[in-house]
Amino acid sequence: MRTDAHNRPIPELISYKLLRKMVGCIGFLLPIVLYVGVIVEKLWLNRTEHLGLIENLNFFKPESSISFYYYSIMGNVFVGMVTAIAIFLFAYKGHEKDPTDLMSDNVAGNFACVFALGVAFFPCNFCPAIETISGTIHIVCAFLFFSTLAYFSLVIFTKFKNAVTPKKLIRNKIYKRCGYTIIAALGFLALEMIPAVRDLTSPTIYFWAWEVVALWAFAFAWLVKGDYFKRYAD
């Protein structure tokens, strides 16, 4: 914990670390909470309605996309958790803009906030074969949201503000790997725009899995930045 000249904790730094931890925790928990919530509902229906669902091989299969949980019993939870991420990103101010920076931490956080709200309040297409304005906005916002998070990992988090320490060098390697993982995940997700690929992957959890990879890469970077893992903190 950093202190001022009188050895008192600096509140701004504490709040920044807390915000980073909150963003990271929600990002990590989002796919888990949504998946478990729907499974619990299925188990409850199977028990009370005697539907025999558990014998179905797809019983424990997640939705084809995290965004599809909007149309499940966990729809409000999906909107709430994504909105919470947006609020924390909006509140995140970070460091001042350097002359060489494309944008400041604050501006990047505000952009990420807007894109996250677009993901939350403009649901994806319920039927992929039918395009809607809401679905298009959702896809664009999701792509820009993850792109902004990759920018955080690759550019903002890797900057040096103080003396370079061995642990800072390790953290920078982690941030870069997380950023490149997000970009790679976006690339694999974009492949589903190709009809042949979409026909091949649609019966699988391909899309959901790469969304989880991108979410967890972003979450891990923010948790490391928030000093959640003491082994990486100075």
C-alpha atoms as a PDB file:
ATOM      1  CA  MET A   1       0.000   0.000   0.000  1.00  0.00           C
ATOM      2  CA  ARG A   2       1.389   3.398  -0.940  1.00  0.00           C
ATOM      3  CA  THR A   3       1.487   6.274   1.515  1.00  0.00           C
ATOM      4  CA  ASP A   4       1.938  10.019   1.380  1.00  0.00           C
ATOM      5  CA  ALA A   5       4.698  12.078   3.005  1.00  0.00           C
ATOM      6  CA  HIS A   6       3.032  11.556   6.391  1.00  0.00           C
ATOM      7  CA  ASN A   7       2.844   7.778   5.975  1.00  0.00           C
ATOM      8  CA  ARG A   8      -0.921   7.858   5.475  1.00  0.00           C
ATOM      9  CA  PRO A   9      -2.687   5.586   2.932  1.00  0.00           C
ATOM     10  CA  ILE A  10      -3.586   7.278  -0.343  1.00  0.00           C
ATOM     11  CA  PRO A  11      -7.378   6.707  -0.785  1.00  0.00           C
ATOM     12  CA  GLU A  12      -7.320   7.059  -4.577  1.00  0.00           C
ATOM     13  CA  LEU A  13      -4.911   4.179  -4.985  1.00  0.00           C
ATOM     14  CA  ILE A  14      -6.932   1.988  -2.663  1.00  0.00           C
ATOM     15  CA  SER A  15     -10.144   2.680  -4.566  1.00  0.00           C
ATOM     16  CA  TYR A  16      -8.478   2.004  -7.907  1.00  0.00           C
ATOM     17  CA  LYS A  17      -7.258  -1.368  -6.707  1.00  0.00           C
ATOM     18  CA  LEU A  18     -10.692  -2.189  -5.351  1.00  0.00           C
ATOM     19  CA  LEU A  19     -12.331  -1.216  -8.654  1.00  0.00           C
ATOM     20  CA  ARG A  20      -9.878  -3.393 -10.566  1.00  0.00           C
ATOM     21  CA  LYS A  21     -10.608  -6.333  -8.291  1.00  0.00           C
ATOM     22  CA  MET A  22     -14.363  -5.859  -8.623  1.00  0.00           C
ATOM     23  CA  VAL A  23     -14.179  -5.688 -12.414  1.00  0.00           C
ATOM     24  CA  GLY A  24     -11.978  -8.772 -12.515  1.00  0.00           C
ATOM     25  CA  CYS A  25     -14.126 -10.772 -10.091  1.00  0.00           C
ATOM     26  CA  ILE A  26     -17.376 -10.041 -11.925  1.00  0.00           C
ATOM     27  CA  GLY A  27     -15.784 -10.851 -15.278  1.00  0.00           C
ATOM     28  CA  PHE A  28     -14.500 -14.161 -13.943  1.00  0.00           C
ATOM     29  CA  LEU A  29     -17.747 -15.127 -12.216  1.00  0.00           C
ATOM     30  CA  LEU A  30     -20.127 -14.077 -15.023  1.00  0.00           C
ATOM     31  CA  PRO A  31     -20.061 -17.291 -17.105  1.00  0.00           C
ATOM     32  CA  ILE A  32     -19.980 -19.479 -13.986  1.00  0.00           C
ATOM     33  CA  VAL A  33     -22.975 -17.814 -12.314  1.00  0.00           C
ATOM     34  CA  LEU A  34     -25.051 -17.879 -15.505  1.00  0.00           C
ATOM     35  CA  TYR A  35     -24.232 -21.512 -16.248  1.00  0.00           C
ATOM     36  CA  VAL A  36     -24.870 -22.729 -12.694  1.00  0.00           C
ATOM     37  CA  GLY A  37     -28.109 -20.745 -12.442  1.00  0.00           C
ATOM     38  CA  VAL A  38     -29.598 -22.394 -15.525  1.00  0.00           C
ATOM     39  CA  ILE A  39     -28.431 -25.857 -14.435  1.00  0.00           C
ATOM     40  CA  VAL A  40     -30.063 -25.355 -11.022  1.00  0.00           C
ATOM     41  CA  GLU A  41     -33.309 -24.374 -12.763  1.00  0.00           C
ATOM     42  CA  LYS A  42     -33.148 -27.506 -14.914  1.00  0.00           C
ATOM     43  CA  LEU A  43     -32.498 -29.698 -11.880  1.00  0.00           C
ATOM     44  CA  TRP A  44     -35.428 -28.101 -10.065  1.00  0.00           C
ATOM     45  CA  LEU A  45     -37.767 -28.636 -13.022  1.00  0.00           C
ATOM     46  CA  ASN A  46     -36.507 -32.177 -13.411  1.00  0.00           C
ATOM     47  CA  ARG A  47     -37.307 -32.856  -9.743  1.00  0.00           C
ATOM     48  CA  THR A  48     -40.660 -31.084  -9.479  1.00  0.00           C
ATOM     49  CA  GLU A  49     -42.104 -31.659 -12.940  1.00  0.00           C
ATOM     50  CA  HIS A  50     -40.588 -35.112 -13.555  1.00  0.00           C
ATOM     51  CA  LEU A  51     -39.512 -34.037 -17.013  1.00  0.00           C
ATOM     52  CA  GLY A  52     -36.681 -36.512 -17.324  1.00  0.00           C
ATOM     53  CA  LEU A  53     -34.363 -33.770 -18.508  1.00  0.00           C
ATOM     54  CA  ILE A  54     -31.262 -35.107 -16.810  1.00  0.00           C
ATOM     55  CA  GLU A  55     -31.224 -38.142 -19.091  1.00  0.00           C
ATOM     56  CA  ASN A  56     -30.767 -35.778 -22.042  1.00  0.00           C
ATOM     57  CA  LEU A  57     -27.147 -35.614 -23.169  1.00  0.00           C
ATOM     58  CA  ASN A  58     -27.481 -31.827 -23.571  1.00  0.00           C
ATOM     59  CA  PHE A  59     -28.627 -31.311 -19.981  1.00  0.00           C
ATOM     60  CA  PHE A  60     -25.292 -29.891 -18.814  1.00  0.00           C
ATOM     61  CA  LYS A  61     -24.449 -28.192 -22.104  1.00  0.00           C
ATOM     62  CA  PRO A  62     -24.154 -24.382 -21.781  1.00  0.00           C
ATOM     63  CA  GLU A  63     -25.972 -21.978 -24.051  1.00  0.00           C
ATOM     64  CA  SER A  64     -24.396 -21.531 -27.458  1.00  0.00           C
ATOM     65  CA  SER A  65     -23.374 -17.991 -26.408  1.00  0.00           C
ATOM     66  CA  ILE A  66     -23.124 -16.210 -23.077  1.00  0.00           C
ATOM     67  CA  SER A  67     -25.418 -13.570 -24.567  1.00  0.00           C
ATOM     68  CA  PHE A  68     -28.213 -16.150 -24.948  1.00  0.00           C
ATOM     69  CA  TYR A  69     -28.539 -16.300 -21.164  1.00  0.00           C
ATOM     70  CA  TYR A  70     -30.443 -13.033 -21.598  1.00  0.00           C
ATOM     71  CA  TYR A  71     -33.422 -15.168 -22.683  1.00  0.00           C
ATOM     72  CA  SER A  72     -33.083 -17.622 -19.772  1.00  0.00           C
ATOM     73  CA  ILE A  73     -34.097 -17.414 -16.126  1.00  0.00           C
ATOM     74  CA  MET A  74     -30.700 -15.746 -15.584  1.00  0.00           C
ATOM     75  CA  GLY A  75     -31.490 -12.882 -17.967  1.00  0.00           C
ATOM     76  CA  ASN A  76     -31.725 -10.236 -15.237  1.00  0.00           C
ATOM     77  CA  VAL A  77     -28.519 -11.540 -13.664  1.00  0.00           C
ATOM     78  CA  PHE A  78     -26.742 -11.246 -17.018  1.00  0.00           C
ATOM     79  CA  VAL A  79     -27.900  -7.655 -17.442  1.00  0.00           C
ATOM     80  CA  GLY A  80     -27.084  -6.808 -13.833  1.00  0.00           C
ATOM     81  CA  MET A  81     -23.554  -8.225 -13.855  1.00  0.00           C
ATOM     82  CA  VAL A  82     -22.616  -6.656 -17.187  1.00  0.00           C
ATOM     83  CA  THR A  83     -24.084  -3.335 -16.013  1.00  0.00           C
ATOM     84  CA  ALA A  84     -22.036  -3.605 -12.810  1.00  0.00           C
ATOM     85  CA  ILE A  85     -18.878  -4.027 -14.894  1.00  0.00           C
ATOM     86  CA  ALA A  86     -19.906  -0.961 -16.906  1.00  0.00           C
ATOM     87  CA  ILE A  87     -20.414   1.140 -13.763  1.00  0.00           C
ATOM     88  CA  PHE A  88     -17.065   0.129 -12.300  1.00  0.00           C
ATOM     89  CA  LEU A  89     -15.338   0.919 -15.608  1.00  0.00           C
ATOM     90  CA  PHE A  90     -17.002   4.327 -15.698  1.00  0.00           C
ATOM     91  CA  ALA A  91     -15.830   5.029 -12.144  1.00  0.00           C
ATOM     92  CA  TYR A  92     -12.278   3.968 -12.998  1.00  0.00           C
ATOM     93  CA  LYS A  93     -10.134   7.060 -13.631  1.00  0.00           C
ATOM     94  CA  GLY A  94      -6.623   5.620 -13.607  1.00  0.00           C
ATOM     95  CA  HIS A  95      -3.611   7.693 -14.559  1.00  0.00           C
ATOM     96  CA  GLU A  96      -3.432  10.894 -16.552  1.00  0.00           C
ATOM     97  CA  LYS A  97      -2.886  10.687 -20.304  1.00  0.00           C
ATOM     98  CA  ASP A  98       0.700  10.655 -21.521  1.00  0.00           C
ATOM     99  CA  PRO A  99       1.518  12.573 -24.738  1.00  0.00           C
ATOM    100  CA  THR A 100       2.206   9.281 -26.525  1.00  0.00           C
ATOM    101  CA  ASP A 101      -1.038   7.613 -25.423  1.00  0.00           C
ATOM    102  CA  LEU A 102      -3.948   7.108 -27.793  1.00  0.00           C
ATOM    103  CA  MET A 103      -6.352   7.786 -24.914  1.00  0.00           C
ATOM    104  CA  SER A 104      -6.278   8.155 -21.143  1.00  0.00           C
ATOM    105  CA  ASP A 105      -7.323   5.455 -18.687  1.00  0.00           C
ATOM    106  CA  ASN A 106     -10.475   7.457 -17.969  1.00  0.00           C
ATOM    107  CA  VAL A 107     -11.509   7.761 -21.619  1.00  0.00           C
ATOM    108  CA  ALA A 108     -10.801   4.072 -22.281  1.00  0.00           C
ATOM    109  CA  GLY A 109     -12.880   3.167 -19.223  1.00  0.00           C
ATOM    110  CA  ASN A 110     -15.735   5.369 -20.422  1.00  0.00           C
ATOM    111  CA  PHE A 111     -15.670   3.739 -23.855  1.00  0.00           C
ATOM    112  CA  ALA A 112     -15.673   0.277 -22.286  1.00  0.00           C
ATOM    113  CA  CYS A 113     -18.596   1.354 -20.081  1.00  0.00           C
ATOM    114  CA  VAL A 114     -20.687   2.456 -23.074  1.00  0.00           C
ATOM    115  CA  PHE A 115     -19.914  -0.742 -24.989  1.00  0.00           C
ATOM    116  CA  ALA A 116     -20.752  -2.901 -21.955  1.00  0.00           C
ATOM    117  CA  LEU A 117     -24.094  -1.128 -21.587  1.00  0.00           C
ATOM    118  CA  GLY A 118     -24.739  -1.804 -25.274  1.00  0.00           C
ATOM    119  CA  VAL A 119     -24.123  -5.506 -24.656  1.00  0.00           C
ATOM    120  CA  ALA A 120     -26.451  -5.492 -21.633  1.00  0.00           C
ATOM    121  CA  PHE A 121     -29.382  -3.502 -22.976  1.00  0.00           C
ATOM    122  CA  PHE A 122     -29.376  -4.499 -26.650  1.00  0.00           C
ATOM    123  CA  PRO A 123     -29.926  -8.276 -26.576  1.00  0.00           C
ATOM    124  CA  CYS A 124     -28.532 -10.565 -29.223  1.00  0.00           C
ATOM    125  CA  ASN A 125     -30.756 -12.111 -31.876  1.00  0.00           C
ATOM    126  CA  PHE A 126     -32.917 -14.835 -30.352  1.00  0.00           C
ATOM    127  CA  CYS A 127     -32.900 -16.571 -33.712  1.00  0.00           C
ATOM    128  CA  PRO A 128     -29.470 -16.248 -35.416  1.00  0.00           C
ATOM    129  CA  ALA A 129     -31.118 -16.577 -38.827  1.00  0.00           C
ATOM    130  CA  ILE A 130     -33.149 -13.392 -38.267  1.00  0.00           C
ATOM    131  CA  GLU A 131     -31.118 -10.185 -38.085  1.00  0.00           C
ATOM    132  CA  THR A 132     -32.365  -7.341 -35.886  1.00  0.00           C
ATOM    133  CA  ILE A 133     -31.052  -3.870 -35.104  1.00  0.00           C
ATOM    134  CA  SER A 134     -30.666  -4.837 -31.454  1.00  0.00           C
ATOM    135  CA  GLY A 135     -28.657  -7.915 -32.402  1.00  0.00           C
ATOM    136  CA  THR A 136     -26.357  -5.910 -34.657  1.00  0.00           C
ATOM    137  CA  ILE A 137     -25.749  -3.316 -31.946  1.00  0.00           C
ATOM    138  CA  HIS A 138     -25.073  -6.130 -29.474  1.00  0.00           C
ATOM    139  CA  ILE A 139     -22.431  -7.739 -31.674  1.00  0.00           C
ATOM    140  CA  VAL A 140     -20.700  -4.441 -32.465  1.00  0.00           C
ATOM    141  CA  CYS A 141     -20.666  -3.392 -28.805  1.00  0.00           C
ATOM    142  CA  ALA A 142     -19.352  -6.800 -27.704  1.00  0.00           C
ATOM    143  CA  PHE A 143     -16.509  -6.613 -30.235  1.00  0.00           C
ATOM    144  CA  LEU A 144     -15.608  -3.041 -29.233  1.00  0.00           C
ATOM    145  CA  PHE A 145     -15.902  -3.900 -25.529  1.00  0.00           C
ATOM    146  CA  PHE A 146     -13.380  -6.729 -25.765  1.00  0.00           C
ATOM    147  CA  SER A 147     -11.159  -4.653 -28.059  1.00  0.00           C
ATOM    148  CA  THR A 148     -11.052  -1.898 -25.432  1.00  0.00           C
ATOM    149  CA  LEU A 149     -10.226  -4.449 -22.739  1.00  0.00           C
ATOM    150  CA  ALA A 150      -7.390  -5.744 -24.926  1.00  0.00           C
ATOM    151  CA  TYR A 151      -6.147  -2.146 -25.181  1.00  0.00           C
ATOM    152  CA  PHE A 152      -6.170  -1.932 -21.392  1.00  0.00           C
ATOM    153  CA  SER A 153      -4.061  -5.073 -21.115  1.00  0.00           C
ATOM    154  CA  LEU A 154      -1.611  -4.358 -23.930  1.00  0.00           C
ATOM    155  CA  VAL A 155      -1.133  -0.596 -23.543  1.00  0.00           C
ATOM    156  CA  ILE A 156      -2.504   0.934 -20.355  1.00  0.00           C
ATOM    157  CA  PHE A 157      -1.546  -1.746 -17.845  1.00  0.00           C
ATOM    158  CA  THR A 158       1.968  -2.174 -19.249  1.00  0.00           C
ATOM    159  CA  LYS A 159       2.996   1.468 -18.798  1.00  0.00           C
ATOM    160  CA  PHE A 160       5.740   2.343 -16.339  1.00  0.00           C
ATOM    161  CA  LYS A 161       4.906   5.097 -13.852  1.00  0.00           C
ATOM    162  CA  ASN A 162       7.574   4.343 -11.251  1.00  0.00           C
ATOM    163  CA  ALA A 163      10.812   2.429 -10.968  1.00  0.00           C
ATOM    164  CA  VAL A 164      10.754  -0.841 -12.886  1.00  0.00           C
ATOM    165  CA  THR A 165      10.816  -3.858 -10.604  1.00  0.00           C
ATOM    166  CA  PRO A 166      11.218  -7.560 -11.462  1.00  0.00           C
ATOM    167  CA  LYS A 167       7.578  -8.167 -10.482  1.00  0.00           C
ATOM    168  CA  LYS A 168       6.427  -5.318 -12.730  1.00  0.00           C
ATOM    169  CA  LEU A 169       8.177  -7.018 -15.635  1.00  0.00           C
ATOM    170  CA  ILE A 170       6.367 -10.259 -14.762  1.00  0.00           C
ATOM    171  CA  ARG A 171       3.040  -8.431 -14.554  1.00  0.00           C
ATOM    172  CA  ASN A 172       3.623  -6.853 -17.951  1.00  0.00           C
ATOM    173  CA  LYS A 173       4.166 -10.285 -19.468  1.00  0.00           C
ATOM    174  CA  ILE A 174       0.865 -11.388 -17.939  1.00  0.00           C
ATOM    175  CA  TYR A 175      -0.960  -8.316 -19.232  1.00  0.00           C
ATOM    176  CA  LYS A 176       0.369  -8.843 -22.740  1.00  0.00           C
ATOM    177  CA  ARG A 177      -0.535 -12.513 -22.756  1.00  0.00           C
ATOM    178  CA  CYS A 178      -4.039 -11.663 -21.561  1.00  0.00           C
ATOM    179  CA  GLY A 179      -4.386  -8.956 -24.216  1.00  0.00           C
ATOM    180  CA  TYR A 180      -3.207 -11.224 -27.012  1.00  0.00           C
ATOM    181  CA  THR A 181      -5.499 -13.984 -25.727  1.00  0.00           C
ATOM    182  CA  ILE A 182      -8.472 -11.608 -25.988  1.00  0.00           C
ATOM    183  CA  ILE A 183      -7.492 -10.694 -29.546  1.00  0.00           C
ATOM    184  CA  ALA A 184      -7.045 -14.355 -30.489  1.00  0.00           C
ATOM    185  CA  ALA A 185     -10.439 -15.202 -28.976  1.00  0.00           C
ATOM    186  CA  LEU A 186     -12.063 -12.405 -30.993  1.00  0.00           C
ATOM    187  CA  GLY A 187     -10.459 -13.843 -34.107  1.00  0.00           C
ATOM    188  CA  PHE A 188     -11.828 -17.326 -33.441  1.00  0.00           C
ATOM    189  CA  LEU A 189     -15.244 -15.850 -32.649  1.00  0.00           C
ATOM    190  CA  ALA A 190     -15.188 -13.894 -35.903  1.00  0.00           C
ATOM    191  CA  LEU A 191     -14.637 -17.140 -37.824  1.00  0.00           C
ATOM    192  CA  GLU A 192     -18.263 -18.006 -37.094  1.00  0.00           C
ATOM    193  CA  MET A 193     -19.241 -15.331 -39.597  1.00  0.00           C
ATOM    194  CA  ILE A 194     -18.111 -17.804 -42.260  1.00  0.00           C
ATOM    195  CA  PRO A 195     -21.124 -20.024 -43.084  1.00  0.00           C
ATOM    196  CA  ALA A 196     -19.056 -23.204 -43.416  1.00  0.00           C
ATOM    197  CA  VAL A 197     -17.461 -22.663 -40.009  1.00  0.00           C
ATOM    198  CA  ARG A 198     -20.816 -21.765 -38.428  1.00  0.00           C
ATOM    199  CA  ASP A 199     -22.395 -24.968 -39.769  1.00  0.00           C
ATOM    200  CA  LEU A 200     -19.529 -26.972 -38.320  1.00  0.00           C
ATOM    201  CA  THR A 201     -19.467 -25.344 -34.878  1.00  0.00           C
ATOM    202  CA  SER A 202     -23.146 -24.558 -34.255  1.00  0.00           C
ATOM    203  CA  PRO A 203     -23.886 -27.904 -32.508  1.00  0.00           C
ATOM    204  CA  THR A 204     -20.892 -27.381 -30.181  1.00  0.00           C
ATOM    205  CA  ILE A 205     -19.919 -24.961 -27.401  1.00  0.00           C
ATOM    206  CA  TYR A 206     -17.305 -23.380 -29.692  1.00  0.00           C
ATOM    207  CA  PHE A 207     -18.662 -19.821 -29.449  1.00  0.00           C
ATOM    208  CA  TRP A 208     -19.408 -19.993 -25.713  1.00  0.00           C
ATOM    209  CA  ALA A 209     -15.961 -21.416 -24.973  1.00  0.00           C
ATOM    210  CA  TRP A 210     -14.084 -18.626 -26.758  1.00  0.00           C
ATOM    211  CA  GLU A 211     -16.266 -16.025 -25.048  1.00  0.00           C
ATOM    212  CA  VAL A 212     -15.263 -17.542 -21.708  1.00  0.00           C
ATOM    213  CA  VAL A 213     -11.593 -17.484 -22.735  1.00  0.00           C
ATOM    214  CA  ALA A 214     -11.839 -13.778 -23.578  1.00  0.00           C
ATOM    215  CA  LEU A 215     -13.724 -13.002 -20.343  1.00  0.00           C
ATOM    216  CA  TRP A 216     -11.273 -14.877 -18.138  1.00  0.00           C
ATOM    217  CA  ALA A 217      -8.252 -13.332 -19.872  1.00  0.00           C
ATOM    218  CA  PHE A 218      -9.681  -9.862 -19.241  1.00  0.00           C
ATOM    219  CA  ALA A 219     -10.617 -10.799 -15.661  1.00  0.00           C
ATOM    220  CA  PHE A 220      -7.174 -12.198 -14.864  1.00  0.00           C
ATOM    221  CA  ALA A 221      -5.453  -9.056 -16.141  1.00  0.00           C
ATOM    222  CA  TRP A 222      -7.649  -6.825 -13.971  1.00  0.00           C
ATOM    223  CA  LEU A 223      -7.179  -9.020 -10.901  1.00  0.00           C
ATOM    224  CA  VAL A 224      -3.414  -8.895 -11.336  1.00  0.00           C
ATOM    225  CA  LYS A 225      -3.576  -5.121 -11.815  1.00  0.00           C
ATOM    226  CA  GLY A 226      -5.610  -4.865  -8.599  1.00  0.00           C
ATOM    227  CA  ASP A 227      -2.926  -6.823  -6.670  1.00  0.00           C
ATOM    228  CA  TYR A 228      -5.362  -9.649  -5.990  1.00  0.00           C
ATOM    229  CA  PHE A 229      -2.498 -12.120  -6.391  1.00  0.00           C
ATOM    230  CA  LYS A 230       0.114 -11.129  -3.831  1.00  0.00           C
ATOM    231  CA  ARG A 231       2.836 -13.114  -5.562  1.00  0.00           C
ATOM    232  CA  TYR A 232       2.764 -10.597  -8.433  1.00  0.00           C
ATOM    233  CA  ALA A 233       2.380  -7.449  -6.308  1.00  0.00           C
ATOM    234  CA  ASP A 234       5.283  -5.224  -5.260  1.00  0.00           C
END
